[in-house]
Amino acid sequence: MKHKRISPIARSLTTLALLTGCGGAALAAAPNSPKQNLAPRAEAKAATAGGPVVASKRSLTREGARLAIESALTRARELNTTGVIAVVDEGGNLMALERLDSTFSAGANISIGKARTAALFKKPTRAFEEIIKNGRTAMTALTDFTPLVGGFPIVSEGQIIGGIGVSGAASADQDEELARAGARALATSAADLATSAPPAAPPAAAPAPVTLFSSEQVTNAFNKGVPLLETASFKIHASRREGPGKVEIHTLDTDIAYIQEGGATLVTGGTAVNAKIIEPNELRGDSIAGGETVKLKKGDVIVIPKGVPHWFKEVSLPFTYYVVKVH
């Protein structure tokens, strides 16, 4: 088979044509082509339309952690109490810790746990203790979680920058008070302070209604020797005695008696003879061994503290007296 020879000129023209075609294709796909660059620019603009992709953020410094510790220590000295105070950053990493003398050793780990819980869960730890107390015990299975009163997030300009926890003060409320003092030391606005504000006092109960007893009601009560009013905290009895009575011992009630009419011989103190329980917190006996004897007359007032035996040994008829029983 004979091969056809290609002249040098023809070969050069063919090479030029190939190079030109490749160059055109390359130019068509070049990234600097104005038409091809429109789509990426549009996509970039759409990606940033919702806001900046980088934001500035406040961070807790070592000096800030020490300031929180010092504020809590100052409050501890005012209350003359003990405690361990821990401060962590927003990620729960320990930044500072101070243990007052005589504080129990375990307080260090507990205070760190409270601080970490407040920072990571962004709430005072009291909230979690109350949630669990109300029945949601499954929360105790969470890791890095110390749901005990005494931890607060540290907030500055609306941003949570860390947490502070206290353990080992005289009470859980004092733990919280010391932690609150530390957290508030770094607050920069009223909104920041609100995150560590003391819990609001419960609404005051409605006052009890005023009660009036007419003279007829009082007279009728004394004639029968019956109570006028009995509440959970006090009782008012219109008492009447027709003769000597049993020895009485009230373990819960203090008696305040006003003699309205007649007189009596009253023995107080000593030892009740054959004392027996007749109902919860009430005992009765036959007589008193020892004790002190007093004579009561109209207009007298006597106070008999709870637990003191007393015995109306003799009475002159009619003998009536108001008794206010105070729990």
Foldseek 3Di string as FASTA:
>chain_A
DDDDDDDPVVVVVVVVVVVVVVVVVCVVPDCPPPVNVVVVVVVVCVVCVVHDPDDDDDAQDLVLQVQLVVQLVVVCVVVVKWKKKWKFWLQLHTRDIDGDPPFDPCRPVLFSLQFSQCNPVVAALCVVVVVVVVPPVVVVPDPSHRSAQQKHFQDEPRDGTTMMGMDRIPDSVSSLVSRLSSSVSRYDDPVRNVRSDPDDDDDDDDDDDDDDDDPVNLVVQLVVFAWPDDDPFKTKTWGWDPWKDWKKAAQQWKKKKAWAAWKFKKFKAAAAAPWDDPDPRIITGHDGDDGDIDIGHHGDIDIGGHGMIMIRHGTDPGTIMMIMIGD
